[in-house]
N, C-alpha and C. Protein backbone atom coordinates (compact mmCIF):
# COMPACT_ATOMS: atom_id res chain seq x y z
N UNK A 1 0.85 -1.18 0.00
CA UNK A 1 0.00 0.00 0.00
C UNK A 1 0.89 1.24 0.00
N UNK A 2 0.69 2.09 -0.99
CA UNK A 2 1.48 3.30 -1.12
C UNK A 2 0.82 4.43 -0.33
N UNK A 3 1.57 5.02 0.60
CA UNK A 3 1.07 6.12 1.41
C UNK A 3 1.60 7.44 0.86
N UNK A 4 0.70 8.42 0.74
CA UNK A 4 1.06 9.75 0.26
C UNK A 4 0.49 10.79 1.21
N UNK A 5 1.08 11.98 1.15
CA UNK A 5 0.53 13.10 1.91
C UNK A 5 -0.56 13.76 1.07
N UNK A 6 -1.70 14.03 1.67
CA UNK A 6 -2.66 14.89 1.01
C UNK A 6 -2.40 16.29 1.54
N UNK A 7 -2.67 17.29 0.70
CA UNK A 7 -2.26 18.65 0.99
C UNK A 7 -3.42 19.62 0.82
N UNK A 8 -3.23 20.85 1.30
CA UNK A 8 -4.27 21.87 1.11
C UNK A 8 -4.04 22.56 -0.24
N UNK A 9 -4.82 23.57 -0.53
CA UNK A 9 -4.73 24.28 -1.79
C UNK A 9 -3.43 25.03 -2.01
N UNK A 10 -2.64 25.18 -0.95
CA UNK A 10 -1.34 25.83 -1.04
C UNK A 10 -0.19 24.82 -0.96
N UNK A 11 -0.51 23.53 -1.14
CA UNK A 11 0.48 22.46 -1.15
C UNK A 11 1.12 22.24 0.22
N UNK A 12 0.38 22.54 1.28
CA UNK A 12 0.88 22.28 2.64
C UNK A 12 0.30 20.95 3.12
N UNK A 13 1.14 20.06 3.68
CA UNK A 13 0.66 18.74 4.12
C UNK A 13 -0.42 18.82 5.19
N UNK A 14 -1.43 17.99 5.04
CA UNK A 14 -2.52 17.90 6.03
C UNK A 14 -2.52 16.56 6.74
N UNK A 15 -2.09 15.51 6.05
CA UNK A 15 -2.11 14.18 6.64
C UNK A 15 -1.61 13.15 5.65
N UNK A 16 -1.63 11.89 6.08
CA UNK A 16 -1.15 10.78 5.26
C UNK A 16 -2.27 9.78 5.08
N UNK A 17 -2.44 9.30 3.85
CA UNK A 17 -3.47 8.32 3.52
C UNK A 17 -2.95 7.40 2.42
N UNK A 18 -3.58 6.25 2.25
CA UNK A 18 -3.25 5.43 1.09
C UNK A 18 -3.58 6.19 -0.21
N UNK A 19 -2.74 6.01 -1.21
CA UNK A 19 -2.94 6.68 -2.49
C UNK A 19 -4.33 6.39 -3.06
N UNK A 20 -4.78 5.16 -2.93
CA UNK A 20 -6.10 4.80 -3.48
C UNK A 20 -7.20 5.64 -2.84
N UNK A 21 -7.11 5.89 -1.55
CA UNK A 21 -8.12 6.71 -0.85
C UNK A 21 -8.03 8.17 -1.28
N UNK A 22 -6.81 8.65 -1.46
CA UNK A 22 -6.61 10.04 -1.91
C UNK A 22 -7.23 10.23 -3.29
N UNK A 23 -7.01 9.28 -4.18
CA UNK A 23 -7.60 9.36 -5.52
C UNK A 23 -9.12 9.24 -5.45
N UNK A 24 -9.61 8.29 -4.68
CA UNK A 24 -11.05 8.08 -4.57
C UNK A 24 -11.77 9.34 -4.07
N UNK A 25 -11.13 10.06 -3.15
CA UNK A 25 -11.73 11.26 -2.57
C UNK A 25 -11.33 12.55 -3.31
N UNK A 26 -10.53 12.42 -4.35
CA UNK A 26 -10.05 13.57 -5.14
C UNK A 26 -9.38 14.62 -4.26
N UNK A 27 -8.50 14.17 -3.36
CA UNK A 27 -7.78 15.10 -2.48
C UNK A 27 -6.50 15.57 -3.17
N UNK A 28 -6.14 16.82 -2.99
CA UNK A 28 -4.88 17.31 -3.56
C UNK A 28 -3.68 16.54 -2.97
N UNK A 29 -2.72 16.21 -3.84
CA UNK A 29 -1.50 15.50 -3.44
C UNK A 29 -0.42 15.82 -4.46
N UNK A 30 0.75 15.21 -4.33
CA UNK A 30 1.90 15.57 -5.16
C UNK A 30 2.32 14.44 -6.09
N UNK A 31 2.79 14.84 -7.27
CA UNK A 31 3.35 13.88 -8.22
C UNK A 31 4.55 14.50 -8.92
N UNK A 32 5.33 13.64 -9.56
CA UNK A 32 6.49 14.09 -10.32
C UNK A 32 6.46 13.47 -11.71
N UNK A 33 6.97 14.22 -12.67
CA UNK A 33 7.17 13.75 -14.03
C UNK A 33 8.64 13.98 -14.35
N UNK A 34 9.24 13.05 -15.11
CA UNK A 34 10.66 13.14 -15.42
C UNK A 34 10.87 13.03 -16.92
N UNK A 35 11.71 13.90 -17.46
CA UNK A 35 12.10 13.88 -18.86
C UNK A 35 13.55 13.41 -18.96
N UNK A 36 13.79 12.38 -19.76
CA UNK A 36 15.13 11.85 -19.99
C UNK A 36 15.43 11.96 -21.48
N UNK A 37 16.65 12.40 -21.81
CA UNK A 37 17.04 12.62 -23.20
C UNK A 37 18.23 11.74 -23.57
N UNK A 38 18.29 11.39 -24.86
CA UNK A 38 19.47 10.68 -25.34
C UNK A 38 20.53 11.73 -25.71
N UNK A 39 21.67 11.28 -26.16
CA UNK A 39 22.77 12.20 -26.44
C UNK A 39 22.48 13.14 -27.61
N UNK A 40 21.49 12.80 -28.44
CA UNK A 40 21.10 13.68 -29.56
C UNK A 40 20.04 14.70 -29.15
N UNK A 41 19.56 14.61 -27.90
CA UNK A 41 18.56 15.55 -27.42
C UNK A 41 17.13 15.10 -27.64
N UNK A 42 16.94 13.84 -28.02
CA UNK A 42 15.59 13.30 -28.16
C UNK A 42 15.08 12.88 -26.78
N UNK A 43 13.81 13.10 -26.54
CA UNK A 43 13.22 12.74 -25.25
C UNK A 43 12.65 11.32 -25.32
N UNK A 44 12.79 10.60 -24.21
CA UNK A 44 12.25 9.25 -24.13
C UNK A 44 10.78 9.33 -23.72
N UNK A 45 9.92 8.71 -24.51
CA UNK A 45 8.50 8.59 -24.16
C UNK A 45 8.25 7.14 -23.77
N UNK A 46 7.65 6.95 -22.62
CA UNK A 46 7.27 5.60 -22.22
C UNK A 46 5.83 5.35 -22.64
N UNK A 47 5.55 4.12 -23.00
CA UNK A 47 4.17 3.70 -23.24
C UNK A 47 3.71 3.01 -21.97
N UNK A 48 2.71 3.60 -21.34
CA UNK A 48 2.23 3.09 -20.06
C UNK A 48 1.67 1.67 -20.22
N UNK A 49 1.93 0.85 -19.22
CA UNK A 49 1.44 -0.52 -19.23
C UNK A 49 -0.08 -0.54 -19.32
N UNK A 50 -0.62 -1.56 -19.93
CA UNK A 50 -2.07 -1.71 -20.08
C UNK A 50 -2.78 -1.89 -18.75
N UNK A 51 -2.03 -2.24 -17.72
CA UNK A 51 -2.61 -2.47 -16.39
C UNK A 51 -2.69 -1.21 -15.54
N UNK A 52 -2.16 -0.09 -16.04
CA UNK A 52 -2.17 1.15 -15.26
C UNK A 52 -3.61 1.65 -15.09
N UNK A 53 -3.90 2.22 -13.91
CA UNK A 53 -5.24 2.71 -13.62
C UNK A 53 -5.60 3.93 -14.49
N UNK A 54 -4.65 4.83 -14.65
CA UNK A 54 -4.90 6.04 -15.42
C UNK A 54 -4.10 6.01 -16.72
N UNK A 55 -4.76 6.28 -17.82
CA UNK A 55 -4.18 6.38 -19.15
C UNK A 55 -3.37 5.14 -19.57
N UNK A 56 -3.93 3.96 -19.39
CA UNK A 56 -3.21 2.75 -19.81
C UNK A 56 -2.96 2.76 -21.31
N UNK A 57 -1.76 2.31 -21.69
CA UNK A 57 -1.42 2.21 -23.11
C UNK A 57 -1.10 3.51 -23.81
N UNK A 58 -1.14 4.63 -23.10
CA UNK A 58 -0.82 5.91 -23.73
C UNK A 58 0.66 6.24 -23.55
N UNK A 59 1.18 7.04 -24.47
CA UNK A 59 2.56 7.53 -24.34
C UNK A 59 2.58 8.66 -23.33
N UNK A 60 3.65 8.66 -22.52
CA UNK A 60 3.78 9.59 -21.41
C UNK A 60 5.22 10.09 -21.36
N UNK A 61 5.49 10.99 -20.43
CA UNK A 61 6.86 11.44 -20.19
C UNK A 61 7.72 10.22 -19.85
N UNK A 62 9.00 10.40 -19.71
CA UNK A 62 9.93 9.29 -19.51
C UNK A 62 9.59 8.46 -18.28
N UNK A 63 9.28 9.13 -17.16
CA UNK A 63 8.90 8.44 -15.93
C UNK A 63 7.97 9.35 -15.14
N UNK A 64 7.12 8.74 -14.32
CA UNK A 64 6.18 9.55 -13.53
C UNK A 64 5.73 8.75 -12.32
N UNK A 65 5.25 9.48 -11.33
CA UNK A 65 4.73 8.80 -10.15
C UNK A 65 4.38 9.77 -9.05
N UNK A 66 3.94 9.22 -7.96
CA UNK A 66 3.52 10.02 -6.81
C UNK A 66 4.65 10.18 -5.81
N UNK A 67 4.60 11.30 -5.10
CA UNK A 67 5.55 11.55 -4.02
C UNK A 67 5.00 10.84 -2.78
N UNK A 68 5.77 9.91 -2.25
CA UNK A 68 5.34 9.15 -1.08
C UNK A 68 5.45 10.00 0.19
N UNK A 69 4.71 9.61 1.20
CA UNK A 69 4.76 10.29 2.49
C UNK A 69 6.20 10.29 3.00
N UNK A 70 6.69 11.46 3.41
CA UNK A 70 8.03 11.58 3.95
C UNK A 70 9.13 11.67 2.90
N UNK A 71 8.78 11.69 1.63
CA UNK A 71 9.74 11.72 0.53
C UNK A 71 9.72 13.11 -0.09
N UNK A 72 10.87 13.59 -0.53
CA UNK A 72 10.92 14.86 -1.26
C UNK A 72 10.54 14.62 -2.71
N UNK A 73 10.21 15.68 -3.40
CA UNK A 73 9.91 15.56 -4.83
C UNK A 73 11.12 15.02 -5.59
N UNK A 74 12.30 15.54 -5.26
CA UNK A 74 13.52 15.08 -5.93
C UNK A 74 13.75 13.59 -5.69
N UNK A 75 13.59 13.14 -4.47
CA UNK A 75 13.73 11.71 -4.17
C UNK A 75 12.73 10.88 -4.98
N UNK A 76 11.51 11.38 -5.10
CA UNK A 76 10.49 10.66 -5.87
C UNK A 76 10.86 10.60 -7.34
N UNK A 77 11.37 11.70 -7.90
CA UNK A 77 11.76 11.72 -9.31
C UNK A 77 12.90 10.73 -9.57
N UNK A 78 13.90 10.73 -8.70
CA UNK A 78 15.02 9.79 -8.85
C UNK A 78 14.54 8.35 -8.74
N UNK A 79 13.66 8.09 -7.77
CA UNK A 79 13.12 6.74 -7.55
C UNK A 79 12.33 6.27 -8.76
N UNK A 80 11.44 7.11 -9.27
CA UNK A 80 10.59 6.72 -10.40
C UNK A 80 11.42 6.44 -11.65
N UNK A 81 12.45 7.25 -11.91
CA UNK A 81 13.29 7.01 -13.09
C UNK A 81 13.99 5.66 -12.98
N UNK A 82 14.46 5.34 -11.79
CA UNK A 82 15.12 4.05 -11.57
C UNK A 82 14.12 2.90 -11.63
N UNK A 83 12.98 3.04 -10.96
CA UNK A 83 11.98 1.96 -10.93
C UNK A 83 11.40 1.67 -12.31
N UNK A 84 11.13 2.71 -13.09
CA UNK A 84 10.44 2.52 -14.37
C UNK A 84 11.39 2.21 -15.52
N UNK A 85 12.60 2.81 -15.50
CA UNK A 85 13.50 2.66 -16.64
C UNK A 85 14.88 2.11 -16.30
N UNK A 86 15.15 1.88 -15.01
CA UNK A 86 16.46 1.37 -14.62
C UNK A 86 17.58 2.35 -14.86
N UNK A 87 17.28 3.64 -14.82
CA UNK A 87 18.26 4.69 -15.09
C UNK A 87 18.53 5.48 -13.80
N UNK A 88 19.81 5.71 -13.52
CA UNK A 88 20.20 6.57 -12.41
C UNK A 88 20.62 7.91 -13.00
N UNK A 89 19.93 8.96 -12.63
CA UNK A 89 20.20 10.29 -13.18
C UNK A 89 21.43 10.91 -12.52
N UNK A 90 22.23 11.58 -13.34
CA UNK A 90 23.38 12.32 -12.81
C UNK A 90 22.99 13.75 -12.46
N UNK A 91 21.95 14.23 -13.08
CA UNK A 91 21.44 15.56 -12.78
C UNK A 91 19.93 15.49 -12.75
N UNK A 92 19.33 16.43 -12.05
CA UNK A 92 17.86 16.48 -11.99
C UNK A 92 17.52 17.92 -11.64
N UNK A 93 16.80 18.58 -12.55
CA UNK A 93 16.41 19.96 -12.26
C UNK A 93 14.95 20.19 -12.62
N UNK A 94 14.32 21.05 -11.87
CA UNK A 94 12.91 21.38 -12.09
C UNK A 94 12.81 22.28 -13.32
N UNK A 95 11.89 21.93 -14.24
CA UNK A 95 11.69 22.76 -15.42
C UNK A 95 10.29 23.36 -15.47
N UNK A 96 9.34 22.79 -14.73
CA UNK A 96 7.97 23.34 -14.74
C UNK A 96 7.18 22.73 -13.58
N UNK A 97 6.08 23.39 -13.27
CA UNK A 97 5.16 22.89 -12.25
C UNK A 97 3.73 23.12 -12.73
N UNK A 98 2.82 22.43 -12.10
CA UNK A 98 1.39 22.65 -12.36
C UNK A 98 0.67 22.53 -11.02
N UNK A 99 -0.29 23.39 -10.82
CA UNK A 99 -1.07 23.42 -9.59
C UNK A 99 -2.16 22.35 -9.63
N UNK A 100 -2.48 21.82 -8.47
CA UNK A 100 -3.54 20.81 -8.38
C UNK A 100 -4.85 21.38 -8.88
N UNK A 101 -5.52 20.61 -9.73
CA UNK A 101 -6.81 21.01 -10.30
C UNK A 101 -7.46 19.75 -10.87
N UNK A 102 -8.70 19.84 -11.30
CA UNK A 102 -9.32 18.68 -11.95
C UNK A 102 -8.52 18.20 -13.18
N UNK A 103 -7.85 19.13 -13.88
CA UNK A 103 -7.08 18.76 -15.06
C UNK A 103 -5.84 17.94 -14.73
N UNK A 104 -5.31 18.09 -13.51
CA UNK A 104 -4.12 17.33 -13.11
C UNK A 104 -4.47 16.15 -12.22
N UNK A 105 -5.75 15.86 -12.05
CA UNK A 105 -6.15 14.79 -11.14
C UNK A 105 -5.92 15.19 -9.70
N UNK A 106 -6.03 16.48 -9.43
CA UNK A 106 -5.79 17.07 -8.11
C UNK A 106 -4.35 16.86 -7.64
N UNK A 107 -3.42 16.84 -8.58
CA UNK A 107 -2.01 16.67 -8.23
C UNK A 107 -1.24 17.96 -8.43
N UNK A 108 -0.41 18.31 -7.46
CA UNK A 108 0.60 19.35 -7.62
C UNK A 108 1.75 18.65 -8.34
N UNK A 109 1.96 19.00 -9.60
CA UNK A 109 2.91 18.29 -10.46
C UNK A 109 4.22 19.08 -10.56
N UNK A 110 5.33 18.36 -10.42
CA UNK A 110 6.65 18.94 -10.64
C UNK A 110 7.30 18.16 -11.78
N UNK A 111 7.71 18.89 -12.82
CA UNK A 111 8.36 18.29 -13.99
C UNK A 111 9.86 18.48 -13.88
N UNK A 112 10.60 17.36 -13.96
CA UNK A 112 12.05 17.37 -13.87
C UNK A 112 12.70 17.03 -15.20
N UNK A 113 13.87 17.61 -15.42
CA UNK A 113 14.74 17.29 -16.55
C UNK A 113 15.88 16.47 -15.96
N UNK A 114 16.04 15.22 -16.43
CA UNK A 114 17.06 14.32 -15.89
C UNK A 114 18.34 14.33 -16.71
N UNK A 115 18.45 15.23 -17.65
CA UNK A 115 19.66 15.32 -18.45
C UNK A 115 19.71 14.30 -19.56
N UNK A 116 20.90 14.17 -20.16
CA UNK A 116 21.11 13.25 -21.28
C UNK A 116 21.82 12.00 -20.78
N UNK A 117 21.53 10.89 -21.47
CA UNK A 117 22.14 9.62 -21.11
C UNK A 117 22.51 8.84 -22.36
N UNK A 118 23.59 8.07 -22.24
CA UNK A 118 23.94 7.12 -23.29
C UNK A 118 23.37 5.74 -22.96
N UNK A 119 22.88 5.60 -21.72
CA UNK A 119 22.33 4.31 -21.28
C UNK A 119 21.01 4.03 -21.99
N UNK A 120 20.78 2.76 -22.27
CA UNK A 120 19.51 2.34 -22.88
C UNK A 120 18.49 2.08 -21.78
N UNK A 121 17.34 2.74 -21.81
CA UNK A 121 16.31 2.46 -20.79
C UNK A 121 15.89 1.00 -20.80
N UNK A 122 15.67 0.45 -19.62
CA UNK A 122 15.21 -0.92 -19.45
C UNK A 122 13.83 -0.87 -18.80
N UNK A 123 12.78 -0.72 -19.61
CA UNK A 123 11.43 -0.55 -19.05
C UNK A 123 11.01 -1.68 -18.12
N UNK A 124 10.47 -1.31 -16.97
CA UNK A 124 9.89 -2.25 -16.02
C UNK A 124 8.52 -2.65 -16.57
N UNK A 125 8.30 -3.92 -16.92
CA UNK A 125 7.03 -4.31 -17.55
C UNK A 125 5.80 -4.12 -16.67
N UNK A 126 5.98 -3.97 -15.36
CA UNK A 126 4.84 -3.67 -14.48
C UNK A 126 4.36 -2.24 -14.67
N UNK A 127 5.23 -1.39 -15.19
CA UNK A 127 4.93 0.04 -15.33
C UNK A 127 4.85 0.49 -16.79
N UNK A 128 5.74 -0.06 -17.60
CA UNK A 128 5.97 0.45 -18.95
C UNK A 128 5.93 -0.71 -19.94
N UNK A 129 5.14 -0.58 -21.01
CA UNK A 129 5.08 -1.66 -22.00
C UNK A 129 6.06 -1.46 -23.14
N UNK A 130 6.49 -0.23 -23.37
CA UNK A 130 7.37 0.06 -24.49
C UNK A 130 7.87 1.49 -24.32
N UNK A 131 8.70 1.93 -25.24
CA UNK A 131 9.18 3.31 -25.20
C UNK A 131 10.00 3.62 -26.42
N UNK A 132 10.25 4.92 -26.62
CA UNK A 132 11.04 5.36 -27.77
C UNK A 132 11.53 6.78 -27.53
N UNK A 133 12.63 7.11 -28.18
CA UNK A 133 13.13 8.48 -28.16
C UNK A 133 12.56 9.22 -29.37
N UNK A 134 12.09 10.45 -29.16
CA UNK A 134 11.53 11.26 -30.24
C UNK A 134 12.11 12.67 -30.16
N UNK A 135 12.17 13.32 -31.32
CA UNK A 135 12.62 14.71 -31.34
C UNK A 135 11.41 15.65 -31.31
N UNK A 136 11.68 16.93 -31.34
CA UNK A 136 10.61 17.93 -31.24
C UNK A 136 9.58 17.77 -32.36
N UNK A 137 10.05 17.61 -33.59
CA UNK A 137 9.12 17.52 -34.74
C UNK A 137 8.25 16.27 -34.62
N UNK A 138 8.83 15.16 -34.19
CA UNK A 138 8.05 13.92 -34.05
C UNK A 138 6.99 14.06 -32.96
N UNK A 139 7.35 14.67 -31.83
CA UNK A 139 6.37 14.84 -30.76
C UNK A 139 5.31 15.86 -31.17
N UNK A 140 5.69 16.89 -31.87
CA UNK A 140 4.71 17.87 -32.35
C UNK A 140 3.68 17.19 -33.26
N UNK A 141 4.15 16.32 -34.13
CA UNK A 141 3.25 15.57 -35.02
C UNK A 141 2.32 14.69 -34.21
N UNK A 142 2.85 14.01 -33.20
CA UNK A 142 2.01 13.15 -32.35
C UNK A 142 0.95 13.97 -31.62
N UNK A 143 1.33 15.12 -31.11
CA UNK A 143 0.38 15.98 -30.39
C UNK A 143 -0.71 16.47 -31.35
N UNK A 144 -0.32 16.83 -32.56
CA UNK A 144 -1.28 17.35 -33.54
C UNK A 144 -2.21 16.26 -34.08
N UNK A 145 -1.67 15.09 -34.40
CA UNK A 145 -2.44 14.06 -35.08
C UNK A 145 -2.93 12.91 -34.22
N UNK A 146 -2.25 12.64 -33.10
CA UNK A 146 -2.57 11.47 -32.29
C UNK A 146 -2.67 11.81 -30.81
N UNK A 147 -3.23 12.96 -30.50
CA UNK A 147 -3.34 13.45 -29.13
C UNK A 147 -3.98 12.43 -28.19
N UNK A 148 -4.93 11.66 -28.69
CA UNK A 148 -5.64 10.69 -27.86
C UNK A 148 -4.75 9.52 -27.44
N UNK A 149 -3.57 9.40 -28.04
CA UNK A 149 -2.62 8.35 -27.67
C UNK A 149 -1.60 8.83 -26.64
N UNK A 150 -1.73 10.08 -26.22
CA UNK A 150 -0.78 10.70 -25.29
C UNK A 150 -1.47 11.05 -23.98
N UNK A 151 -0.72 11.08 -22.89
CA UNK A 151 -1.31 11.51 -21.62
C UNK A 151 -1.51 13.02 -21.62
N UNK A 152 -2.50 13.50 -20.89
CA UNK A 152 -2.72 14.95 -20.81
C UNK A 152 -1.50 15.70 -20.28
N UNK A 153 -0.77 15.11 -19.35
CA UNK A 153 0.41 15.78 -18.80
C UNK A 153 1.49 16.00 -19.85
N UNK A 154 1.74 14.99 -20.66
CA UNK A 154 2.71 15.12 -21.74
C UNK A 154 2.29 16.23 -22.71
N UNK A 155 1.04 16.22 -23.12
CA UNK A 155 0.54 17.24 -24.04
C UNK A 155 0.65 18.63 -23.41
N UNK A 156 0.21 18.76 -22.17
CA UNK A 156 0.25 20.06 -21.48
C UNK A 156 1.67 20.63 -21.46
N UNK A 157 2.62 19.83 -20.98
CA UNK A 157 3.98 20.36 -20.85
C UNK A 157 4.66 20.55 -22.20
N UNK A 158 4.29 19.77 -23.22
CA UNK A 158 4.81 20.02 -24.57
C UNK A 158 4.29 21.37 -25.07
N UNK A 159 3.00 21.61 -24.89
CA UNK A 159 2.41 22.87 -25.36
C UNK A 159 2.90 24.08 -24.56
N UNK A 160 3.43 23.86 -23.37
CA UNK A 160 4.02 24.93 -22.56
C UNK A 160 5.52 25.10 -22.87
N UNK A 161 6.02 24.41 -23.89
CA UNK A 161 7.44 24.45 -24.27
C UNK A 161 8.37 23.98 -23.17
N UNK A 162 7.90 23.08 -22.31
CA UNK A 162 8.74 22.57 -21.22
C UNK A 162 9.48 21.30 -21.61
N UNK A 163 9.02 20.57 -22.63
CA UNK A 163 9.67 19.33 -23.03
C UNK A 163 10.91 19.63 -23.87
N UNK A 164 10.78 20.55 -24.79
CA UNK A 164 11.90 21.01 -25.63
C UNK A 164 11.97 22.54 -25.54
N UNK A 165 12.43 23.08 -24.42
CA UNK A 165 12.38 24.54 -24.24
C UNK A 165 13.19 25.33 -25.25
N UNK A 166 14.24 24.75 -25.84
CA UNK A 166 15.06 25.49 -26.81
C UNK A 166 14.42 25.51 -28.19
N UNK A 167 13.36 24.73 -28.40
CA UNK A 167 12.75 24.59 -29.73
C UNK A 167 11.52 25.47 -29.90
N UNK A 168 11.49 26.61 -29.28
CA UNK A 168 10.30 27.48 -29.34
C UNK A 168 10.07 28.06 -30.69
């Protein structure tokens, strides 16, 4: 059972509950998204496992997950990247945030950039069914033509120029 902190509208902790109860009650809580790039600057998109509760089978950011009770956002981002792709990040920096709302599933979202890697991601089949590296033009095409195959978070941060900030 995964325990998370539920928070108030200003992202201040109020208590700890199982994640399933927090989702069932639509309580504000915290999540992280991680972007991982290859040496050419292409971002890795994971295809979420068909067993995932939210957006199964859709392409998403490189790694994502909830911040556990007592864990920092940075610790959660590092953990999720390792758990989902078997990658240990050498750098991790915040590139964007989103406030909890119905559009984010009541999650205060922090988007991290994990830098570039020469390592090949090793998707955890419990979390990720597949993945691929894409460049800005390829992701733009996917957002324009196949939006329904992408998670809302990926689309949101792409449209905010947070996935490829230099490609404005």
